[in-house]
Amino acid sequence: MVGSGEGVTAVEAAEEHLALTRAFDTRAQELSLSGISGYYWYHTIDLGDGLVTPGLYDYRDTIGAFGFPNNMRGTRVLDVGSATGFFAFEFKRRDASVMSVECPPCAIWTDSPASRSKARCSRSSV
């Protein structure tokens, strides 16, 4: 997690996050990936080719503590509320069949009947 070290100030954490964001944007440009800068990344995810999202929560070094099997072949996973999808990508890397679902914030559902009818959950197979 950005700024998770002891004694890290909010300013230092913000500077670290900005540096990670700049590195992500630079690498995305080098890979000719347009339109992916400016997104909010909840999780840090290694997307390959040196492209690492500047997420606020980095589980890469602690994933073993969750006790997931290394080989998940034949396992079907439904990741509900997956945010930016760290666990969905991790389960896919472990060869599971993954469906990831993230719904919009609750406020969308309570604004008005019109907004409720327009709101859609986003889902993807990873």
N, C-alpha and C. Protein backbone atom coordinates (compact mmCIF):
# COMPACT_ATOMS: atom_id res chain seq x y z
N MET A 1 0.85 -1.17 0.00
CA MET A 1 0.00 0.00 0.00
C MET A 1 0.89 1.23 0.00
N VAL A 2 0.50 2.23 -0.75
CA VAL A 2 1.25 3.47 -0.80
C VAL A 2 1.29 4.09 0.58
N GLY A 3 2.48 4.48 1.01
CA GLY A 3 2.60 5.16 2.28
C GLY A 3 2.34 4.29 3.49
N SER A 4 2.53 2.99 3.36
CA SER A 4 2.21 2.11 4.47
C SER A 4 3.34 1.99 5.49
N GLY A 5 4.51 2.51 5.16
CA GLY A 5 5.63 2.41 6.07
C GLY A 5 5.45 3.27 7.30
N GLU A 6 6.12 2.89 8.39
CA GLU A 6 6.02 3.67 9.61
C GLU A 6 6.64 5.05 9.40
N GLY A 7 5.99 6.04 9.94
CA GLY A 7 6.53 7.39 9.89
C GLY A 7 6.36 8.09 8.56
N VAL A 8 5.61 7.53 7.65
CA VAL A 8 5.38 8.17 6.36
C VAL A 8 4.29 9.21 6.52
N THR A 9 4.58 10.43 6.10
CA THR A 9 3.59 11.49 6.21
C THR A 9 2.62 11.42 5.04
N ALA A 10 1.52 12.12 5.17
CA ALA A 10 0.54 12.18 4.09
C ALA A 10 1.15 12.80 2.83
N VAL A 11 2.00 13.78 3.02
CA VAL A 11 2.66 14.43 1.88
C VAL A 11 3.58 13.43 1.18
N GLU A 12 4.35 12.67 1.95
CA GLU A 12 5.24 11.67 1.36
C GLU A 12 4.46 10.59 0.62
N ALA A 13 3.34 10.16 1.20
CA ALA A 13 2.50 9.15 0.55
C ALA A 13 1.93 9.70 -0.75
N ALA A 14 1.49 10.95 -0.74
CA ALA A 14 0.95 11.57 -1.95
C ALA A 14 2.02 11.70 -3.02
N GLU A 15 3.23 12.09 -2.62
CA GLU A 15 4.34 12.21 -3.57
C GLU A 15 4.69 10.85 -4.17
N GLU A 16 4.68 9.81 -3.33
CA GLU A 16 4.95 8.45 -3.81
C GLU A 16 3.89 8.01 -4.82
N HIS A 17 2.64 8.29 -4.51
CA HIS A 17 1.55 7.91 -5.42
C HIS A 17 1.66 8.66 -6.74
N LEU A 18 1.99 9.94 -6.70
CA LEU A 18 2.17 10.71 -7.93
C LEU A 18 3.32 10.16 -8.76
N ALA A 19 4.41 9.75 -8.11
CA ALA A 19 5.54 9.17 -8.84
C ALA A 19 5.12 7.85 -9.51
N LEU A 20 4.36 7.02 -8.79
CA LEU A 20 3.88 5.76 -9.37
C LEU A 20 2.94 6.02 -10.54
N THR A 21 2.10 7.04 -10.41
CA THR A 21 1.17 7.40 -11.49
C THR A 21 1.93 7.88 -12.72
N ARG A 22 2.95 8.70 -12.51
CA ARG A 22 3.77 9.17 -13.65
C ARG A 22 4.47 8.00 -14.34
N ALA A 23 5.01 7.07 -13.53
CA ALA A 23 5.69 5.91 -14.10
C ALA A 23 4.71 5.05 -14.91
N PHE A 24 3.50 4.87 -14.41
CA PHE A 24 2.47 4.12 -15.12
C PHE A 24 2.13 4.80 -16.45
N ASP A 25 1.89 6.11 -16.41
CA ASP A 25 1.54 6.85 -17.62
C ASP A 25 2.67 6.79 -18.65
N THR A 26 3.90 6.93 -18.19
CA THR A 26 5.06 6.87 -19.09
C THR A 26 5.15 5.50 -19.76
N ARG A 27 5.04 4.44 -18.97
CA ARG A 27 5.14 3.09 -19.53
C ARG A 27 3.98 2.80 -20.48
N ALA A 28 2.79 3.26 -20.14
CA ALA A 28 1.63 3.07 -21.02
C ALA A 28 1.87 3.75 -22.37
N GLN A 29 2.45 4.94 -22.36
CA GLN A 29 2.77 5.64 -23.61
C GLN A 29 3.82 4.87 -24.40
N GLU A 30 4.84 4.35 -23.70
CA GLU A 30 5.88 3.56 -24.38
C GLU A 30 5.29 2.33 -25.06
N LEU A 31 4.25 1.77 -24.47
CA LEU A 31 3.60 0.58 -25.03
C LEU A 31 2.49 0.94 -26.02
N SER A 32 2.36 2.24 -26.32
CA SER A 32 1.33 2.74 -27.24
C SER A 32 -0.08 2.39 -26.77
N LEU A 33 -0.28 2.44 -25.48
CA LEU A 33 -1.61 2.21 -24.89
C LEU A 33 -2.23 3.57 -24.60
N SER A 34 -3.16 3.95 -25.44
CA SER A 34 -3.77 5.27 -25.25
C SER A 34 -5.06 5.12 -24.44
N GLY A 35 -5.41 6.18 -23.77
CA GLY A 35 -6.68 6.24 -23.07
C GLY A 35 -6.74 5.53 -21.73
N ILE A 36 -5.60 5.14 -21.17
CA ILE A 36 -5.67 4.46 -19.87
C ILE A 36 -5.09 5.30 -18.74
N SER A 37 -4.59 6.48 -19.05
CA SER A 37 -4.12 7.34 -17.96
C SER A 37 -5.33 8.09 -17.42
N GLY A 38 -5.22 8.51 -16.19
CA GLY A 38 -6.30 9.27 -15.57
C GLY A 38 -7.33 8.43 -14.84
N TYR A 39 -7.18 7.11 -14.88
CA TYR A 39 -8.09 6.25 -14.14
C TYR A 39 -7.65 6.14 -12.69
N TYR A 40 -8.60 5.92 -11.82
CA TYR A 40 -8.30 5.65 -10.41
C TYR A 40 -8.08 4.16 -10.25
N TRP A 41 -6.94 3.78 -9.71
CA TRP A 41 -6.60 2.37 -9.49
C TRP A 41 -6.64 2.09 -8.00
N TYR A 42 -7.58 1.30 -7.57
CA TYR A 42 -7.71 0.92 -6.16
C TYR A 42 -6.60 -0.06 -5.76
N HIS A 43 -6.32 -1.01 -6.66
CA HIS A 43 -5.28 -2.02 -6.41
C HIS A 43 -4.05 -1.77 -7.28
N THR A 44 -2.90 -2.17 -6.76
CA THR A 44 -1.70 -2.23 -7.58
C THR A 44 -1.71 -3.57 -8.28
N ILE A 45 -1.64 -3.54 -9.62
CA ILE A 45 -1.70 -4.76 -10.41
C ILE A 45 -0.58 -4.73 -11.44
N ASP A 46 0.22 -5.78 -11.49
CA ASP A 46 1.24 -5.92 -12.51
C ASP A 46 0.57 -6.46 -13.76
N LEU A 47 0.44 -5.61 -14.78
CA LEU A 47 -0.24 -5.99 -16.01
C LEU A 47 0.71 -6.60 -17.04
N GLY A 48 1.97 -6.76 -16.67
CA GLY A 48 2.97 -7.32 -17.59
C GLY A 48 3.66 -6.23 -18.38
N ASP A 49 4.75 -6.58 -19.02
CA ASP A 49 5.55 -5.65 -19.84
C ASP A 49 5.98 -4.41 -19.06
N GLY A 50 6.18 -4.55 -17.75
CA GLY A 50 6.63 -3.43 -16.93
C GLY A 50 5.55 -2.40 -16.63
N LEU A 51 4.30 -2.74 -16.90
CA LEU A 51 3.19 -1.83 -16.63
C LEU A 51 2.52 -2.23 -15.32
N VAL A 52 2.68 -1.37 -14.31
CA VAL A 52 2.14 -1.64 -12.98
C VAL A 52 1.22 -0.49 -12.61
N THR A 53 -0.03 -0.83 -12.28
CA THR A 53 -1.00 0.22 -11.94
C THR A 53 -0.63 0.89 -10.62
N PRO A 54 -0.87 2.19 -10.51
CA PRO A 54 -0.54 2.93 -9.28
C PRO A 54 -1.66 2.84 -8.25
N GLY A 55 -1.97 1.64 -7.82
CA GLY A 55 -3.06 1.45 -6.87
C GLY A 55 -2.69 1.84 -5.45
N LEU A 56 -3.72 2.11 -4.67
CA LEU A 56 -3.50 2.46 -3.27
C LEU A 56 -3.24 1.24 -2.40
N TYR A 57 -3.73 0.07 -2.83
CA TYR A 57 -3.57 -1.16 -2.06
C TYR A 57 -2.78 -2.17 -2.87
N ASP A 58 -1.64 -2.57 -2.34
CA ASP A 58 -0.73 -3.48 -3.03
C ASP A 58 -0.65 -4.78 -2.26
N TYR A 59 -1.31 -5.81 -2.76
CA TYR A 59 -1.33 -7.12 -2.11
C TYR A 59 -0.30 -8.08 -2.69
N ARG A 60 0.53 -7.64 -3.61
CA ARG A 60 1.44 -8.56 -4.29
C ARG A 60 2.38 -9.29 -3.33
N ASP A 61 2.88 -8.61 -2.33
CA ASP A 61 3.81 -9.24 -1.39
C ASP A 61 3.12 -10.03 -0.28
N THR A 62 1.80 -9.87 -0.14
CA THR A 62 1.10 -10.53 0.96
C THR A 62 0.04 -11.53 0.50
N ILE A 63 -0.03 -11.77 -0.80
CA ILE A 63 -1.08 -12.65 -1.33
C ILE A 63 -1.00 -14.05 -0.72
N GLY A 64 0.18 -14.52 -0.40
CA GLY A 64 0.34 -15.84 0.20
C GLY A 64 -0.39 -16.00 1.53
N ALA A 65 -0.57 -14.91 2.24
CA ALA A 65 -1.24 -14.96 3.54
C ALA A 65 -2.72 -15.32 3.42
N PHE A 66 -3.29 -15.17 2.23
CA PHE A 66 -4.70 -15.49 2.03
C PHE A 66 -4.94 -17.00 1.91
N GLY A 67 -3.91 -17.76 1.62
CA GLY A 67 -4.03 -19.22 1.55
C GLY A 67 -4.70 -19.77 0.30
N PHE A 68 -4.74 -19.00 -0.77
CA PHE A 68 -5.31 -19.50 -2.02
C PHE A 68 -4.38 -20.55 -2.61
N PRO A 69 -4.93 -21.61 -3.21
CA PRO A 69 -4.07 -22.62 -3.83
C PRO A 69 -3.35 -22.03 -5.04
N ASN A 70 -2.13 -22.50 -5.28
CA ASN A 70 -1.36 -22.01 -6.44
C ASN A 70 -2.02 -22.41 -7.75
N ASN A 71 -2.59 -23.59 -7.80
CA ASN A 71 -3.25 -24.07 -9.01
C ASN A 71 -4.76 -24.09 -8.76
N MET A 72 -5.48 -23.24 -9.48
CA MET A 72 -6.93 -23.16 -9.31
C MET A 72 -7.67 -23.67 -10.55
N ARG A 73 -6.96 -24.45 -11.38
CA ARG A 73 -7.57 -25.01 -12.58
C ARG A 73 -8.83 -25.77 -12.19
N GLY A 74 -9.90 -25.55 -12.96
CA GLY A 74 -11.17 -26.20 -12.68
C GLY A 74 -12.02 -25.47 -11.65
N THR A 75 -11.48 -24.41 -11.07
CA THR A 75 -12.22 -23.63 -10.07
C THR A 75 -12.93 -22.47 -10.77
N ARG A 76 -14.17 -22.26 -10.43
CA ARG A 76 -14.92 -21.11 -10.93
C ARG A 76 -15.01 -20.08 -9.81
N VAL A 77 -14.66 -18.84 -10.11
CA VAL A 77 -14.62 -17.78 -9.10
C VAL A 77 -15.54 -16.64 -9.53
N LEU A 78 -16.38 -16.20 -8.61
CA LEU A 78 -17.17 -14.99 -8.80
C LEU A 78 -16.61 -13.94 -7.84
N ASP A 79 -16.01 -12.90 -8.39
CA ASP A 79 -15.42 -11.83 -7.60
C ASP A 79 -16.40 -10.66 -7.62
N VAL A 80 -17.14 -10.50 -6.53
CA VAL A 80 -18.16 -9.45 -6.43
C VAL A 80 -17.58 -8.27 -5.67
N GLY A 81 -17.72 -7.09 -6.24
CA GLY A 81 -17.14 -5.90 -5.61
C GLY A 81 -15.64 -5.89 -5.79
N SER A 82 -15.20 -6.17 -6.99
CA SER A 82 -13.77 -6.39 -7.23
C SER A 82 -12.94 -5.13 -7.39
N ALA A 83 -13.58 -3.97 -7.34
CA ALA A 83 -12.86 -2.70 -7.51
C ALA A 83 -12.08 -2.77 -8.82
N THR A 84 -10.76 -2.57 -8.79
CA THR A 84 -9.99 -2.63 -10.03
C THR A 84 -9.46 -4.02 -10.34
N GLY A 85 -9.84 -5.01 -9.56
CA GLY A 85 -9.69 -6.39 -9.98
C GLY A 85 -8.43 -7.15 -9.61
N PHE A 86 -7.71 -6.74 -8.59
CA PHE A 86 -6.48 -7.46 -8.25
C PHE A 86 -6.75 -8.96 -8.08
N PHE A 87 -7.76 -9.30 -7.28
CA PHE A 87 -8.00 -10.72 -6.99
C PHE A 87 -8.51 -11.45 -8.22
N ALA A 88 -9.31 -10.80 -9.06
CA ALA A 88 -9.76 -11.44 -10.30
C ALA A 88 -8.57 -11.79 -11.19
N PHE A 89 -7.64 -10.85 -11.34
CA PHE A 89 -6.44 -11.13 -12.14
C PHE A 89 -5.59 -12.22 -11.49
N GLU A 90 -5.48 -12.19 -10.18
CA GLU A 90 -4.68 -13.20 -9.47
C GLU A 90 -5.28 -14.59 -9.63
N PHE A 91 -6.59 -14.71 -9.52
CA PHE A 91 -7.23 -16.02 -9.69
C PHE A 91 -7.06 -16.51 -11.13
N LYS A 92 -7.16 -15.61 -12.09
CA LYS A 92 -6.96 -16.00 -13.49
C LYS A 92 -5.52 -16.46 -13.70
N ARG A 93 -4.57 -15.76 -13.09
CA ARG A 93 -3.16 -16.16 -13.19
C ARG A 93 -2.97 -17.57 -12.64
N ARG A 94 -3.79 -17.94 -11.67
CA ARG A 94 -3.72 -19.27 -11.07
C ARG A 94 -4.60 -20.27 -11.83
N ASP A 95 -5.08 -19.87 -12.99
CA ASP A 95 -5.80 -20.73 -13.94
C ASP A 95 -7.25 -21.00 -13.57
N ALA A 96 -7.87 -20.14 -12.77
CA ALA A 96 -9.30 -20.27 -12.49
C ALA A 96 -10.11 -19.62 -13.61
N SER A 97 -11.36 -19.99 -13.71
CA SER A 97 -12.31 -19.32 -14.58
C SER A 97 -12.97 -18.24 -13.72
N VAL A 98 -12.84 -16.97 -14.13
CA VAL A 98 -13.22 -15.86 -13.25
C VAL A 98 -14.28 -14.98 -13.89
N MET A 99 -15.29 -14.63 -13.12
CA MET A 99 -16.27 -13.60 -13.49
C MET A 99 -16.13 -12.51 -12.43
N SER A 100 -15.91 -11.28 -12.88
CA SER A 100 -15.71 -10.16 -11.98
C SER A 100 -16.86 -9.18 -12.15
N VAL A 101 -17.44 -8.74 -11.03
CA VAL A 101 -18.58 -7.82 -11.06
C VAL A 101 -18.30 -6.64 -10.14
N GLU A 102 -18.50 -5.45 -10.67
CA GLU A 102 -18.36 -4.24 -9.85
C GLU A 102 -19.56 -3.35 -10.16
N CYS A 103 -20.32 -3.03 -9.16
CA CYS A 103 -21.49 -2.16 -9.33
C CYS A 103 -21.12 -0.72 -9.04
N PRO A 104 -21.87 0.22 -9.62
CA PRO A 104 -21.62 1.63 -9.34
C PRO A 104 -21.93 1.94 -7.87
N PRO A 105 -21.46 3.09 -7.40
CA PRO A 105 -21.73 3.47 -6.00
C PRO A 105 -23.23 3.49 -5.69
N CYS A 106 -23.56 3.26 -4.45
CA CYS A 106 -24.96 3.21 -4.01
C CYS A 106 -25.71 4.50 -4.33
N ALA A 107 -25.02 5.62 -4.33
CA ALA A 107 -25.69 6.90 -4.58
C ALA A 107 -26.40 6.91 -5.93
N ILE A 108 -25.86 6.21 -6.90
CA ILE A 108 -26.49 6.16 -8.22
C ILE A 108 -27.88 5.55 -8.12
N TRP A 109 -28.03 4.55 -7.26
CA TRP A 109 -29.30 3.85 -7.15
C TRP A 109 -30.37 4.69 -6.45
N THR A 110 -29.98 5.70 -5.71
CA THR A 110 -30.95 6.46 -4.93
C THR A 110 -31.19 7.86 -5.47
N ASP A 111 -30.48 8.27 -6.53
CA ASP A 111 -30.65 9.63 -7.05
C ASP A 111 -32.05 9.87 -7.57
N SER A 112 -32.50 9.04 -8.49
CA SER A 112 -33.83 9.21 -9.08
C SER A 112 -34.19 7.95 -9.83
N PRO A 113 -35.47 7.78 -10.12
CA PRO A 113 -35.86 6.60 -10.91
C PRO A 113 -35.16 6.58 -12.27
N ALA A 114 -34.96 7.76 -12.87
CA ALA A 114 -34.31 7.80 -14.18
C ALA A 114 -32.86 7.33 -14.09
N SER A 115 -32.14 7.78 -13.07
CA SER A 115 -30.74 7.37 -12.95
C SER A 115 -30.64 5.89 -12.61
N ARG A 116 -31.61 5.38 -11.84
CA ARG A 116 -31.58 3.95 -11.51
C ARG A 116 -31.78 3.11 -12.75
N SER A 117 -32.61 3.57 -13.68
CA SER A 117 -32.85 2.78 -14.88
C SER A 117 -31.66 2.84 -15.82
N LYS A 118 -30.86 3.90 -15.76
CA LYS A 118 -29.69 4.03 -16.62
C LYS A 118 -28.46 3.34 -16.04
N ALA A 119 -28.44 3.18 -14.72
CA ALA A 119 -27.25 2.62 -14.07
C ALA A 119 -27.10 1.15 -14.44
N ARG A 120 -25.89 0.74 -14.65
CA ARG A 120 -25.60 -0.65 -14.98
C ARG A 120 -24.37 -1.09 -14.19
N CYS A 121 -24.43 -2.32 -13.75
CA CYS A 121 -23.24 -2.92 -13.17
C CYS A 121 -22.29 -3.26 -14.30
N SER A 122 -21.02 -3.11 -14.05
CA SER A 122 -20.05 -3.54 -15.05
C SER A 122 -19.55 -4.91 -14.65
N ARG A 123 -19.35 -5.77 -15.62
CA ARG A 123 -18.84 -7.10 -15.34
C ARG A 123 -17.93 -7.51 -16.46
N SER A 124 -17.03 -8.40 -16.15
CA SER A 124 -16.13 -8.88 -17.19
C SER A 124 -15.66 -10.27 -16.82
N SER A 125 -15.40 -11.02 -17.84
CA SER A 125 -14.72 -12.29 -17.66
C SER A 125 -13.24 -12.00 -17.83
N VAL A 126 -12.46 -12.41 -16.88
CA VAL A 126 -11.03 -12.13 -16.92
C VAL A 126 -10.34 -13.30 -17.57
